[in-house]
Amino acid sequence: MTRNVRSIAMTFVVAVFTFTSAAMAQSYTGDWPATVTHSQRSNGTNCISLTDDGSFGAPHSGEASLLSNNGPVSGYFTVVNGLMTVAFSYPSGEGDCCNFQVFTAKANNGQIGNGVYNFLGLTDIGLLTFGKKNGCSI
């Protein structure tokens, strides 16, 4: 009887550890290098900071910051059906809203892959590659 209780307890501990590890592995919270290539105006590496707390309606969504030497720009991100969209808005310069800088990439299990960069308003598009989580140098 004691052996069965010990076996059940050990199975429970292993199951909790497994589910906890899987849930933690799926978080997108962190700083991500995002490199744009083949763009007319925006080639280079950006640092995007994400807070994955579900605050924008999807289980994996939240605030985003584009970190640069000029200071952070606020935005948001969502992951839906394996596709991440990170968006930042800027005033157009004519008193109305907005130009949008959008990073779109494949995302699954806490990892972000390749995608497309688009700066709407400047008509700029390029290829996008995300680096390793917490790999930013800014």
Protein backbone atom coordinates (compact mmCIF):
# COMPACT_ATOMS: atom_id res chain seq x y z
CA MET A 1 0.00 0.00 0.00
CA THR A 2 2.78 2.44 0.91
CA ARG A 3 4.55 1.59 -2.31
CA ASN A 4 1.38 2.48 -4.31
CA VAL A 5 0.96 5.81 -2.50
CA ARG A 6 4.64 6.66 -3.10
CA SER A 7 4.28 5.71 -6.77
CA ILE A 8 1.15 7.86 -7.18
CA ALA A 9 2.83 10.80 -5.42
CA MET A 10 5.91 10.53 -7.62
CA THR A 11 3.74 10.37 -10.76
CA PHE A 12 1.89 13.51 -9.61
CA VAL A 13 5.16 15.41 -9.01
CA VAL A 14 6.50 14.43 -12.44
CA ALA A 15 3.22 15.46 -14.11
CA VAL A 16 3.20 18.87 -12.39
CA PHE A 17 6.82 19.48 -13.38
CA THR A 18 6.12 18.49 -16.98
CA PHE A 19 3.06 20.73 -17.33
CA THR A 20 4.78 23.65 -15.59
CA SER A 21 7.84 23.36 -17.82
CA ALA A 22 5.68 23.19 -20.96
CA ALA A 23 3.71 26.28 -19.93
CA MET A 24 6.86 28.24 -19.15
CA ALA A 25 8.48 27.24 -22.44
CA GLN A 26 5.58 28.78 -24.37
CA SER A 27 6.01 32.32 -23.05
CA TYR A 28 7.21 34.99 -25.46
CA THR A 29 8.20 37.39 -22.66
CA GLY A 30 11.72 38.69 -23.24
CA ASP A 31 13.88 40.82 -25.52
CA TRP A 32 14.15 39.59 -29.12
CA PRO A 33 16.55 40.75 -31.84
CA ALA A 34 14.58 41.28 -35.06
CA THR A 35 16.72 41.68 -38.19
CA VAL A 36 15.25 43.29 -41.31
CA THR A 37 16.90 42.68 -44.71
CA HIS A 38 16.01 43.47 -48.35
CA SER A 39 14.20 46.65 -47.26
CA GLN A 40 14.49 50.03 -49.01
CA ARG A 41 14.87 52.03 -45.76
CA SER A 42 14.87 49.82 -42.68
CA ASN A 43 17.65 47.23 -42.93
CA GLY A 44 19.26 46.40 -39.61
CA THR A 45 18.62 44.76 -36.27
CA ASN A 46 15.93 46.02 -33.90
CA CYS A 47 15.36 44.94 -30.31
CA ILE A 48 11.75 44.11 -29.49
CA SER A 49 10.74 43.58 -25.87
CA LEU A 50 7.56 41.53 -25.31
CA THR A 51 5.44 40.97 -22.19
CA ASP A 52 3.30 37.86 -22.72
CA ASP A 53 0.39 38.30 -20.29
CA GLY A 54 -2.71 37.79 -22.46
CA SER A 55 -3.74 41.42 -22.10
CA PHE A 56 -4.70 41.94 -25.77
CA GLY A 57 -7.34 39.23 -26.10
CA ALA A 58 -5.27 36.22 -27.18
CA PRO A 59 -3.65 33.80 -24.71
CA HIS A 60 -0.25 34.91 -26.04
CA SER A 61 -0.47 38.68 -26.34
CA GLY A 62 0.58 41.81 -24.52
CA GLU A 63 2.62 44.97 -24.60
CA ALA A 64 5.62 45.38 -26.87
CA SER A 65 8.44 47.92 -26.91
CA LEU A 66 10.77 48.71 -29.75
CA LEU A 67 14.02 49.50 -27.96
CA SER A 68 16.44 51.90 -29.63
CA ASN A 69 18.98 54.59 -28.82
CA ASN A 70 16.19 57.15 -29.29
CA GLY A 71 14.14 55.55 -26.52
CA PRO A 72 11.39 52.92 -26.53
CA VAL A 73 8.33 53.00 -28.77
CA SER A 74 5.22 51.33 -27.31
CA GLY A 75 3.10 48.81 -29.16
CA TYR A 76 1.42 45.45 -28.75
CA PHE A 77 1.67 41.89 -29.99
CA THR A 78 -0.56 38.86 -30.50
CA VAL A 79 0.05 35.25 -31.46
CA VAL A 80 -2.88 33.57 -33.22
CA ASN A 81 -2.74 30.23 -35.06
CA GLY A 82 1.07 30.19 -35.10
CA LEU A 83 1.39 33.73 -36.47
CA MET A 84 2.80 36.60 -34.40
CA THR A 85 2.06 40.22 -35.21
CA VAL A 86 3.93 43.01 -33.42
CA ALA A 87 2.69 46.53 -34.21
CA PHE A 88 3.96 50.01 -33.37
CA SER A 89 2.22 53.25 -34.40
CA TYR A 90 3.74 56.66 -35.11
CA PRO A 91 2.11 60.03 -35.79
CA SER A 92 2.15 60.79 -39.51
CA GLY A 93 3.75 64.21 -39.03
CA GLU A 94 0.63 65.93 -40.34
CA GLY A 95 -1.28 65.87 -37.05
CA ASP A 96 -3.23 62.74 -37.79
CA CYS A 97 -2.61 59.12 -36.95
CA CYS A 98 -0.68 57.00 -38.03
CA ASN A 99 2.11 55.17 -39.70
CA PHE A 100 2.46 51.58 -38.55
CA GLN A 101 5.59 49.51 -38.22
CA VAL A 102 4.58 45.83 -38.28
CA PHE A 103 6.66 42.72 -37.65
CA THR A 104 4.89 39.48 -38.66
CA ALA A 105 6.47 36.04 -38.17
CA LYS A 106 5.81 32.39 -37.47
CA ALA A 107 5.62 31.69 -33.73
CA ASN A 108 5.18 28.43 -31.86
CA ASN A 109 5.96 27.11 -28.37
CA GLY A 110 7.70 30.29 -27.23
CA GLN A 111 9.93 30.50 -30.32
CA ILE A 112 9.71 33.13 -33.07
CA GLY A 113 10.80 32.36 -36.62
CA ASN A 114 11.09 34.18 -39.93
CA GLY A 115 8.56 36.54 -41.44
CA VAL A 116 7.87 39.88 -43.07
CA TYR A 117 8.57 43.47 -42.00
CA ASN A 118 6.27 46.26 -43.16
CA PHE A 119 6.28 50.00 -42.44
CA LEU A 120 2.84 51.13 -43.57
CA GLY A 121 2.85 54.77 -44.52
CA LEU A 122 6.41 54.68 -45.80
CA THR A 123 5.62 51.79 -48.13
CA ASP A 124 8.62 49.80 -46.94
CA ILE A 125 8.74 46.02 -46.80
CA GLY A 126 11.50 43.52 -46.07
CA LEU A 127 12.37 40.07 -44.85
CA LEU A 128 12.37 39.50 -41.10
CA THR A 129 14.37 37.10 -38.93
CA PHE A 130 14.02 36.88 -35.16
CA GLY A 131 17.07 35.87 -33.14
CA LYS A 132 17.31 34.10 -29.80
CA LYS A 133 15.21 35.22 -26.86
CA ASN A 134 17.07 37.76 -24.66
CA GLY A 135 19.71 38.12 -27.38
CA CYS A 136 19.47 41.92 -27.76
CA SER A 137 22.51 44.11 -27.31
CA ILE A 138 20.71 47.45 -26.73
